[in-house]
PDB file of all heavy atoms in Angstrom:
ATOM      1  N   HIS A   1     115.524  96.491 110.370  1.00  0.00           N
ATOM      2  CA  HIS A   1     114.372  96.646 109.459  1.00  0.00           C
ATOM      3  C   HIS A   1     113.557  95.345 109.480  1.00  0.00           C
ATOM      4  O   HIS A   1     112.313  95.328 109.440  1.00  0.00           O
ATOM      5  CB  HIS A   1     114.841  96.993 108.013  1.00  0.00           C
ATOM      6  CG  HIS A   1     115.290  98.364 107.866  1.00  0.00           C
ATOM      7  ND1 HIS A   1     114.384  99.403 107.928  1.00  0.00           N
ATOM      8  CD2 HIS A   1     116.541  98.908 107.791  1.00  0.00           C
ATOM      9  CE1 HIS A   1     115.061 100.544 107.803  1.00  0.00           C
ATOM     10  NE2 HIS A   1     116.302 100.256 107.747  1.00  0.00           N
ATOM     11  N   ALA A   2     114.200  94.237 109.595  1.00  0.00           N
ATOM     12  CA  ALA A   2     113.491  92.945 109.664  1.00  0.00           C
ATOM     13  C   ALA A   2     112.701  92.875 110.981  1.00  0.00           C
ATOM     14  O   ALA A   2     111.536  92.409 110.932  1.00  0.00           O
ATOM     15  CB  ALA A   2     114.506  91.790 109.603  1.00  0.00           C
ATOM     16  N   LEU A   3     113.238  93.359 112.112  1.00  0.00           N
ATOM     17  CA  LEU A   3     112.549  93.352 113.406  1.00  0.00           C
ATOM     18  C   LEU A   3     111.268  94.192 113.250  1.00  0.00           C
ATOM     19  O   LEU A   3     110.190  93.867 113.741  1.00  0.00           O
ATOM     20  CB  LEU A   3     113.462  93.844 114.505  1.00  0.00           C
ATOM     21  CG  LEU A   3     112.786  93.952 115.886  1.00  0.00           C
ATOM     22  CD1 LEU A   3     112.262  92.626 116.404  1.00  0.00           C
ATOM     23  CD2 LEU A   3     113.845  94.591 116.835  1.00  0.00           C
ATOM     24  N   THR A   4     111.413  95.426 112.677  1.00  0.00           N
ATOM     25  CA  THR A   4     110.219  96.284 112.494  1.00  0.00           C
ATOM     26  C   THR A   4     109.182  95.520 111.691  1.00  0.00           C
ATOM     27  O   THR A   4     107.996  95.563 112.056  1.00  0.00           O
ATOM     28  CB  THR A   4     110.658  97.577 111.707  1.00  0.00           C
ATOM     29  OG1 THR A   4     111.673  98.205 112.502  1.00  0.00           O
ATOM     30  CG2 THR A   4     109.489  98.459 111.536  1.00  0.00           C
ATOM     31  N   ALA A   5     109.544  94.905 110.604  1.00  0.00           N
ATOM     32  CA  ALA A   5     108.547  94.178 109.789  1.00  0.00           C
ATOM     33  C   ALA A   5     107.853  93.043 110.564  1.00  0.00           C
ATOM     34  O   ALA A   5     106.627  92.950 110.483  1.00  0.00           O
ATOM     35  CB  ALA A   5     109.221  93.568 108.505  1.00  0.00           C
ATOM     36  N   VAL A   6     108.667  92.269 111.369  1.00  0.00           N
ATOM     37  CA  VAL A   6     108.048  91.232 112.169  1.00  0.00           C
ATOM     38  C   VAL A   6     107.068  91.733 113.162  1.00  0.00           C
ATOM     39  O   VAL A   6     105.940  91.290 113.371  1.00  0.00           O
ATOM     40  CB  VAL A   6     109.177  90.396 112.846  1.00  0.00           C
ATOM     41  CG1 VAL A   6     108.620  89.477 113.831  1.00  0.00           C
ATOM     42  CG2 VAL A   6     109.859  89.615 111.663  1.00  0.00           C
ATOM     43  N   LEU A   7     107.464  92.833 113.889  1.00  0.00           N
ATOM     44  CA  LEU A   7     106.589  93.399 114.910  1.00  0.00           C
ATOM     45  C   LEU A   7     105.251  93.931 114.324  1.00  0.00           C
ATOM     46  O   LEU A   7     104.189  93.765 114.825  1.00  0.00           O
ATOM     47  CB  LEU A   7     107.359  94.624 115.611  1.00  0.00           C
ATOM     48  CG  LEU A   7     108.339  94.159 116.571  1.00  0.00           C
ATOM     49  CD1 LEU A   7     109.213  95.366 117.115  1.00  0.00           C
ATOM     50  CD2 LEU A   7     107.846  93.426 117.781  1.00  0.00           C
ATOM     51  N   LEU A   8     105.359  94.579 113.167  1.00  0.00           N
ATOM     52  CA  LEU A   8     104.167  95.149 112.551  1.00  0.00           C
ATOM     53  C   LEU A   8     103.256  93.961 112.077  1.00  0.00           C
ATOM     54  O   LEU A   8     102.061  94.067 112.191  1.00  0.00           O
ATOM     55  CB  LEU A   8     104.554  95.954 111.356  1.00  0.00           C
ATOM     56  CG  LEU A   8     105.299  97.226 111.728  1.00  0.00           C
ATOM     57  CD1 LEU A   8     105.627  98.039 110.491  1.00  0.00           C
ATOM     58  CD2 LEU A   8     104.440  98.092 112.673  1.00  0.00           C
ATOM     59  N   ALA A   9     103.848  92.850 111.601  1.00  0.00           N
ATOM     60  CA  ALA A   9     103.044  91.722 111.120  1.00  0.00           C
ATOM     61  C   ALA A   9     102.351  91.001 112.309  1.00  0.00           C
ATOM     62  O   ALA A   9     101.260  90.386 112.110  1.00  0.00           O
ATOM     63  CB  ALA A   9     103.924  90.749 110.386  1.00  0.00           C
ATOM     64  N   LEU A  10     102.885  91.121 113.478  1.00  0.00           N
ATOM     65  CA  LEU A  10     102.320  90.457 114.662  1.00  0.00           C
ATOM     66  C   LEU A  10     101.198  91.197 115.337  1.00  0.00           C
ATOM     67  O   LEU A  10     100.523  90.734 116.268  1.00  0.00           O
ATOM     68  CB  LEU A  10     103.438  90.144 115.726  1.00  0.00           C
ATOM     69  CG  LEU A  10     104.538  89.195 115.277  1.00  0.00           C
ATOM     70  CD1 LEU A  10     105.593  89.026 116.353  1.00  0.00           C
ATOM     71  CD2 LEU A  10     103.896  87.843 115.047  1.00  0.00           C
ATOM     72  N   LEU A  11     100.934  92.412 114.823  1.00  0.00           N
ATOM     73  CA  LEU A  11      99.971  93.279 115.491  1.00  0.00           C
ATOM     74  C   LEU A  11      98.696  93.253 114.569  1.00  0.00           C
ATOM     75  O   LEU A  11      98.493  94.091 113.752  1.00  0.00           O
ATOM     76  CB  LEU A  11     100.451  94.756 115.662  1.00  0.00           C
ATOM     77  CG  LEU A  11     101.739  94.781 116.545  1.00  0.00           C
ATOM     78  CD1 LEU A  11     102.303  96.089 116.561  1.00  0.00           C
ATOM     79  CD2 LEU A  11     101.458  94.290 117.983  1.00  0.00           C
ATOM     80  N   PRO A  12      97.779  92.266 114.862  1.00  0.00           N
ATOM     81  CA  PRO A  12      96.591  92.144 113.910  1.00  0.00           C
ATOM     82  C   PRO A  12      95.707  93.274 113.873  1.00  0.00           C
ATOM     83  O   PRO A  12      95.333  93.882 114.926  1.00  0.00           O
ATOM     84  CB  PRO A  12      95.955  90.933 114.523  1.00  0.00           C
ATOM     85  CG  PRO A  12      96.327  90.825 115.959  1.00  0.00           C
ATOM     86  CD  PRO A  12      97.698  91.456 115.998  1.00  0.00           C
ATOM     87  N   GLY A  13      95.319  93.774 112.671  1.00  0.00           N
ATOM     88  CA  GLY A  13      94.326  94.713 112.522  1.00  0.00           C
ATOM     89  C   GLY A  13      94.725  96.094 112.903  1.00  0.00           C
ATOM     90  O   GLY A  13      94.196  97.045 112.314  1.00  0.00           O
ATOM     91  N   ALA A  14      95.468  96.216 113.914  1.00  0.00           N
ATOM     92  CA  ALA A  14      95.753  97.627 114.460  1.00  0.00           C
ATOM     93  C   ALA A  14      96.459  98.471 113.411  1.00  0.00           C
ATOM     94  O   ALA A  14      96.151  99.690 113.397  1.00  0.00           O
ATOM     95  CB  ALA A  14      96.588  97.506 115.707  1.00  0.00           C
ATOM     96  N   TRP A  15      97.254  97.920 112.690  1.00  0.00           N
ATOM     97  CA  TRP A  15      97.996  98.725 111.604  1.00  0.00           C
ATOM     98  C   TRP A  15      97.126  99.141 110.428  1.00  0.00           C
ATOM     99  O   TRP A  15      97.443 100.078 109.782  1.00  0.00           O
ATOM    100  CB  TRP A  15      99.183  97.960 111.122  1.00  0.00           C
ATOM    101  CG  TRP A  15     100.096  97.574 112.258  1.00  0.00           C
ATOM    102  CD1 TRP A  15     100.242  96.294 112.794  1.00  0.00           C
ATOM    103  CD2 TRP A  15     100.783  98.441 113.125  1.00  0.00           C
ATOM    104  NE1 TRP A  15     101.049  96.343 113.861  1.00  0.00           N
ATOM    105  CE2 TRP A  15     101.340  97.655 114.078  1.00  0.00           C
ATOM    106  CE3 TRP A  15     100.994  99.781 113.131  1.00  0.00           C
ATOM    107  CZ2 TRP A  15     102.225  98.173 115.080  1.00  0.00           C
ATOM    108  CZ3 TRP A  15     101.801 100.301 114.182  1.00  0.00           C
ATOM    109  CH2 TRP A  15     102.445  99.551 115.102  1.00  0.00           C
ATOM    110  N   ALA A  16      95.995  98.413 110.227  1.00  0.00           N
ATOM    111  CA  ALA A  16      95.160  98.844 109.105  1.00  0.00           C
ATOM    112  C   ALA A  16      94.078  99.846 109.504  1.00  0.00           C
ATOM    113  O   ALA A  16      93.382 100.320 108.682  1.00  0.00           O
ATOM    114  CB  ALA A  16      94.422  97.539 108.585  1.00  0.00           C
ATOM    115  N   ALA A  17      94.062 100.281 110.740  1.00  0.00           N
ATOM    116  CA  ALA A  17      93.112 101.209 111.126  1.00  0.00           C
ATOM    117  C   ALA A  17      93.238 102.465 110.429  1.00  0.00           C
ATOM    118  O   ALA A  17      94.317 102.962 110.185  1.00  0.00           O
ATOM    119  CB  ALA A  17      93.237 101.446 112.726  1.00  0.00           C
ATOM    120  N   ASP A  18      92.114 103.175 110.125  1.00  0.00           N
ATOM    121  CA  ASP A  18      92.190 104.448 109.479  1.00  0.00           C
ATOM    122  C   ASP A  18      92.587 105.390 110.498  1.00  0.00           C
ATOM    123  O   ASP A  18      91.874 105.618 111.456  1.00  0.00           O
ATOM    124  CB  ASP A  18      90.853 104.742 108.784  1.00  0.00           C
ATOM    125  CG  ASP A  18      90.832 106.119 108.137  1.00  0.00           C
ATOM    126  OD1 ASP A  18      91.991 106.582 107.778  1.00  0.00           O
ATOM    127  OD2 ASP A  18      89.766 106.710 107.950  1.00  0.00           O
ATOM    128  N   ALA A  19      93.671 106.090 110.280  1.00  0.00           N
ATOM    129  CA  ALA A  19      94.207 107.055 111.285  1.00  0.00           C
ATOM    130  C   ALA A  19      94.121 108.429 110.833  1.00  0.00           C
ATOM    131  O   ALA A  19      94.666 109.333 111.493  1.00  0.00           O
ATOM    132  CB  ALA A  19      95.630 106.683 111.610  1.00  0.00           C
ATOM    133  N   ALA A  20      93.438 108.808 109.845  1.00  0.00           N
ATOM    134  CA  ALA A  20      93.363 110.166 109.280  1.00  0.00           C
ATOM    135  C   ALA A  20      92.883 111.129 110.448  1.00  0.00           C
ATOM    136  O   ALA A  20      93.249 112.222 110.531  1.00  0.00           O
ATOM    137  CB  ALA A  20      92.512 110.267 108.051  1.00  0.00           C
ATOM    138  N   ASP A  21      91.936 110.497 111.251  1.00  0.00           N
ATOM    139  CA  ASP A  21      91.406 111.445 112.281  1.00  0.00           C
ATOM    140  C   ASP A  21      91.950 111.021 113.708  1.00  0.00           C
ATOM    141  O   ASP A  21      91.526 111.589 114.714  1.00  0.00           O
ATOM    142  CB  ASP A  21      89.814 111.392 112.240  1.00  0.00           C
ATOM    143  CG  ASP A  21      89.295 110.068 112.530  1.00  0.00           C
ATOM    144  OD1 ASP A  21      90.161 109.069 112.640  1.00  0.00           O
ATOM    145  OD2 ASP A  21      88.140 109.909 112.533  1.00  0.00           O
ATOM    146  N   GLY A  22      92.816 110.118 113.703  1.00  0.00           N
ATOM    147  CA  GLY A  22      93.448 109.636 115.042  1.00  0.00           C
ATOM    148  C   GLY A  22      92.463 108.763 115.846  1.00  0.00           C
ATOM    149  O   GLY A  22      92.704 108.574 116.981  1.00  0.00           O
ATOM    150  N   ASP A  23      91.359 108.338 115.266  1.00  0.00           N
ATOM    151  CA  ASP A  23      90.347 107.599 116.009  1.00  0.00           C
ATOM    152  C   ASP A  23      90.754 106.221 116.332  1.00  0.00           C
ATOM    153  O   ASP A  23      90.362 105.328 115.529  1.00  0.00           O
ATOM    154  CB  ASP A  23      88.944 107.614 115.223  1.00  0.00           C
ATOM    155  CG  ASP A  23      87.892 106.925 116.064  1.00  0.00           C
ATOM    156  OD1 ASP A  23      88.038 106.815 117.266  1.00  0.00           O
ATOM    157  OD2 ASP A  23      86.901 106.581 115.425  1.00  0.00           O
ATOM    158  N   GLY A  24      91.494 106.026 117.358  1.00  0.00           N
ATOM    159  CA  GLY A  24      91.906 104.625 117.827  1.00  0.00           C
ATOM    160  C   GLY A  24      92.947 103.991 116.998  1.00  0.00           C
ATOM    161  O   GLY A  24      93.465 102.995 117.229  1.00  0.00           O
ATOM    162  N   GLY A  25      93.429 104.714 115.906  1.00  0.00           N
ATOM    163  CA  GLY A  25      94.426 104.170 114.953  1.00  0.00           C
ATOM    164  C   GLY A  25      95.764 104.760 115.173  1.00  0.00           C
ATOM    165  O   GLY A  25      96.498 104.553 116.112  1.00  0.00           O
ATOM    166  N   ARG A  26      96.103 105.623 114.183  1.00  0.00           N
ATOM    167  CA  ARG A  26      97.323 106.287 114.133  1.00  0.00           C
ATOM    168  C   ARG A  26      97.157 107.790 113.705  1.00  0.00           C
ATOM    169  O   ARG A  26      96.203 108.058 113.012  1.00  0.00           O
ATOM    170  CB  ARG A  26      98.382 105.601 113.200  1.00  0.00           C
ATOM    171  CG  ARG A  26      98.577 104.156 113.359  1.00  0.00           C
ATOM    172  CD  ARG A  26      99.364 103.914 114.807  1.00  0.00           C
ATOM    173  NE  ARG A  26      99.496 102.446 114.992  1.00  0.00           N
ATOM    174  CZ  ARG A  26      98.596 101.751 115.638  1.00  0.00           C
ATOM    175  NH1 ARG A  26      97.581 102.276 116.108  1.00  0.00           N
ATOM    176  NH2 ARG A  26      98.812 100.482 115.776  1.00  0.00           N
ATOM    177  N   ALA A  27      98.127 108.521 113.997  1.00  0.00           N
ATOM    178  CA  ALA A  27      98.111 110.008 113.580  1.00  0.00           C
ATOM    179  C   ALA A  27      99.489 110.520 113.465  1.00  0.00           C
ATOM    180  O   ALA A  27     100.423 110.028 114.065  1.00  0.00           O
ATOM    181  CB  ALA A  27      97.270 110.791 114.606  1.00  0.00           C
ATOM    182  N   TRP A  28      99.693 111.439 112.586  1.00  0.00           N
ATOM    183  CA  TRP A  28     100.951 112.198 112.503  1.00  0.00           C
ATOM    184  C   TRP A  28     101.085 112.921 113.833  1.00  0.00           C
ATOM    185  O   TRP A  28     100.145 113.527 114.328  1.00  0.00           O
ATOM    186  CB  TRP A  28     100.937 113.150 111.285  1.00  0.00           C
ATOM    187  CG  TRP A  28     101.236 112.605 110.044  1.00  0.00           C
ATOM    188  CD1 TRP A  28     100.265 112.279 109.094  1.00  0.00           C
ATOM    189  CD2 TRP A  28     102.431 112.049 109.514  1.00  0.00           C
ATOM    190  NE1 TRP A  28     100.886 111.663 107.965  1.00  0.00           N
ATOM    191  CE2 TRP A  28     102.215 111.556 108.278  1.00  0.00           C
ATOM    192  CE3 TRP A  28     103.759 112.030 110.015  1.00  0.00           C
ATOM    193  CZ2 TRP A  28     103.229 111.003 107.366  1.00  0.00           C
ATOM    194  CZ3 TRP A  28     104.722 111.568 109.188  1.00  0.00           C
ATOM    195  CH2 TRP A  28     104.499 111.034 107.897  1.00  0.00           C
ATOM    196  N   PRO A  29     102.345 112.963 114.390  1.00  0.00           N
ATOM    197  CA  PRO A  29     102.500 113.720 115.599  1.00  0.00           C
ATOM    198  C   PRO A  29     102.429 115.204 115.499  1.00  0.00           C
ATOM    199  O   PRO A  29     102.142 115.890 116.534  1.00  0.00           O
ATOM    200  CB  PRO A  29     103.875 113.342 116.015  1.00  0.00           C
ATOM    201  CG  PRO A  29     104.329 112.129 115.261  1.00  0.00           C
ATOM    202  CD  PRO A  29     103.484 112.162 113.998  1.00  0.00           C
ATOM    203  N   VAL A  30     102.657 115.772 114.334  1.00  0.00           N
ATOM    204  CA  VAL A  30     102.434 117.249 114.022  1.00  0.00           C
ATOM    205  C   VAL A  30     101.633 117.362 112.810  1.00  0.00           C
ATOM    206  O   VAL A  30     101.653 116.477 112.006  1.00  0.00           O
ATOM    207  CB  VAL A  30     103.795 117.967 113.953  1.00  0.00           C
ATOM    208  CG1 VAL A  30     104.534 117.953 115.334  1.00  0.00           C
ATOM    209  CG2 VAL A  30     104.686 117.394 112.910  1.00  0.00           C
ATOM    210  N   PRO A  31     100.999 118.563 112.659  1.00  0.00           N
ATOM    211  CA  PRO A  31     100.168 118.776 111.517  1.00  0.00           C
ATOM    212  C   PRO A  31     100.979 118.971 110.221  1.00  0.00           C
ATOM    213  O   PRO A  31     102.235 119.102 110.349  1.00  0.00           O
ATOM    214  CB  PRO A  31      99.374 120.015 111.846  1.00  0.00           C
ATOM    215  CG  PRO A  31     100.080 120.708 112.924  1.00  0.00           C
ATOM    216  CD  PRO A  31     100.873 119.602 113.662  1.00  0.00           C
ATOM    217  N   ALA A  32     100.346 118.956 109.122  1.00  0.00           N
ATOM    218  CA  ALA A  32     100.994 119.211 107.817  1.00  0.00           C
ATOM    219  C   ALA A  32     101.835 120.542 107.935  1.00  0.00           C
ATOM    220  O   ALA A  32     101.521 121.391 108.641  1.00  0.00           O
ATOM    221  CB  ALA A  32     100.042 119.323 106.691  1.00  0.00           C
ATOM    222  N   SER A  33     103.018 120.472 107.231  1.00  0.00           N
ATOM    223  CA  SER A  33     103.978 121.533 107.292  1.00  0.00           C
ATOM    224  C   SER A  33     103.558 122.833 106.610  1.00  0.00           C
ATOM    225  O   SER A  33     104.092 123.833 106.811  1.00  0.00           O
ATOM    226  CB  SER A  33     105.279 121.104 106.812  1.00  0.00           C
ATOM    227  OG  SER A  33     105.713 119.902 107.390  1.00  0.00           O
ATOM    228  N   ALA A  34     102.579 122.732 105.627  1.00  0.00           N
ATOM    229  CA  ALA A  34     102.137 123.851 104.897  1.00  0.00           C
ATOM    230  C   ALA A  34     100.736 123.624 104.439  1.00  0.00           C
ATOM    231  O   ALA A  34     100.366 122.498 104.228  1.00  0.00           O
ATOM    232  CB  ALA A  34     103.080 124.036 103.756  1.00  0.00           C
ATOM    233  N   PRO A  35      99.986 124.759 104.082  1.00  0.00           N
ATOM    234  CA  PRO A  35      98.613 124.581 103.568  1.00  0.00           C
ATOM    235  C   PRO A  35      98.672 123.772 102.334  1.00  0.00           C
ATOM    236  O   PRO A  35      99.596 123.892 101.443  1.00  0.00           O
ATOM    237  CB  PRO A  35      98.256 126.014 103.339  1.00  0.00           C
ATOM    238  CG  PRO A  35      99.110 126.840 104.138  1.00  0.00           C
ATOM    239  CD  PRO A  35     100.377 126.068 104.326  1.00  0.00           C
ATOM    240  N   GLY A  36      97.728 122.889 102.163  1.00  0.00           N
ATOM    241  CA  GLY A  36      97.562 122.058 100.897  1.00  0.00           C
ATOM    242  C   GLY A  36      98.311 120.779 101.075  1.00  0.00           C
ATOM    243  O   GLY A  36      98.097 119.858 100.238  1.00  0.00           O
ATOM    244  N   LEU A  37      99.147 120.566 102.061  1.00  0.00           N
ATOM    245  CA  LEU A  37      99.853 119.308 102.269  1.00  0.00           C
ATOM    246  C   LEU A  37      98.976 118.386 103.241  1.00  0.00           C
ATOM    247  O   LEU A  37      98.268 118.895 104.052  1.00  0.00           O
ATOM    248  CB  LEU A  37     101.252 119.480 102.956  1.00  0.00           C
ATOM    249  CG  LEU A  37     102.245 120.237 102.119  1.00  0.00           C
ATOM    250  CD1 LEU A  37     103.608 120.344 102.949  1.00  0.00           C
ATOM    251  CD2 LEU A  37     102.531 119.478 100.773  1.00  0.00           C
ATOM    252  N   ARG A  38      99.177 117.059 102.983  1.00  0.00           N
ATOM    253  CA  ARG A  38      98.337 116.114 103.809  1.00  0.00           C
ATOM    254  C   ARG A  38      99.246 115.690 105.011  1.00  0.00           C
ATOM    255  O   ARG A  38      98.697 114.879 105.893  1.00  0.00           O
ATOM    256  CB  ARG A  38      97.962 114.945 103.036  1.00  0.00           C
ATOM    257  CG  ARG A  38      96.877 115.347 101.945  1.00  0.00           C
ATOM    258  CD  ARG A  38      96.351 114.139 101.224  1.00  0.00           C
ATOM    259  NE  ARG A  38      96.096 113.017 102.077  1.00  0.00           N
ATOM    260  CZ  ARG A  38      95.757 111.810 101.752  1.00  0.00           C
ATOM    261  NH1 ARG A  38      95.734 111.519 100.451  1.00  0.00           N
ATOM    262  NH2 ARG A  38      95.456 110.806 102.601  1.00  0.00           N
ATOM    263  N   ARG A  39     100.431 115.956 105.009  1.00  0.00           N
ATOM    264  CA  ARG A  39     101.338 115.340 105.944  1.00  0.00           C
ATOM    265  C   ARG A  39     102.535 116.330 106.277  1.00  0.00           C
ATOM    266  O   ARG A  39     102.833 117.236 105.423  1.00  0.00           O
ATOM    267  CB  ARG A  39     101.889 114.034 105.591  1.00  0.00           C
ATOM    268  CG  ARG A  39     102.583 114.141 104.175  1.00  0.00           C
ATOM    269  CD  ARG A  39     103.203 112.855 103.852  1.00  0.00           C
ATOM    270  NE  ARG A  39     104.641 112.918 104.272  1.00  0.00           N
ATOM    271  CZ  ARG A  39     105.496 111.900 104.033  1.00  0.00           C
ATOM    272  NH1 ARG A  39     105.235 110.916 103.284  1.00  0.00           N
ATOM    273  NH2 ARG A  39     106.732 111.997 104.479  1.00  0.00           N
ATOM    274  N   PRO A  40     103.183 116.244 107.353  1.00  0.00           N
ATOM    275  CA  PRO A  40     104.349 117.052 107.636  1.00  0.00           C
ATOM    276  C   PRO A  40     105.548 116.586 106.764  1.00  0.00           C
ATOM    277  O   PRO A  40     105.615 115.452 106.313  1.00  0.00           O
ATOM    278  CB  PRO A  40     104.701 116.808 109.116  1.00  0.00           C
ATOM    279  CG  PRO A  40     104.079 115.471 109.494  1.00  0.00           C
ATOM    280  CD  PRO A  40     102.928 115.376 108.547  1.00  0.00           C
ATOM    281  N   VAL A  41     106.404 117.547 106.573  1.00  0.00           N
ATOM    282  CA  VAL A  41     107.694 117.281 105.722  1.00  0.00           C
ATOM    283  C   VAL A  41     108.633 116.486 106.670  1.00  0.00           C
ATOM    284  O   VAL A  41     108.877 116.888 107.859  1.00  0.00           O
ATOM    285  CB  VAL A  41     108.313 118.523 105.241  1.00  0.00           C
ATOM    286  CG1 VAL A  41     109.661 118.297 104.617  1.00  0.00           C
ATOM    287  CG2 VAL A  41     107.407 119.169 104.195  1.00  0.00           C
ATOM    288  N   VAL A  42     109.239 115.405 106.190  1.00  0.00           N
ATOM    289  CA  VAL A  42     110.218 114.721 106.993  1.00  0.00           C
ATOM    290  C   VAL A  42     111.620 115.301 106.623  1.00  0.00           C
ATOM    291  O   VAL A  42     112.017 115.176 105.455  1.00  0.00           O
ATOM    292  CB  VAL A  42     110.252 113.198 106.575  1.00  0.00           C
ATOM    293  CG1 VAL A  42     111.384 112.415 107.310  1.00  0.00           C
ATOM    294  CG2 VAL A  42     108.958 112.551 106.945  1.00  0.00           C
TER     295      VAL A  42
END
């Protein structure tokens, strides 16, 4: 968990990108699990 935190801290700006549309930032690998949800169920 500490290694994860350090790696994320070393990646400037990339983690703050708005990823809702996947535009150069981040995106969920699969769509929401049900209508009305914003994210898939873990």
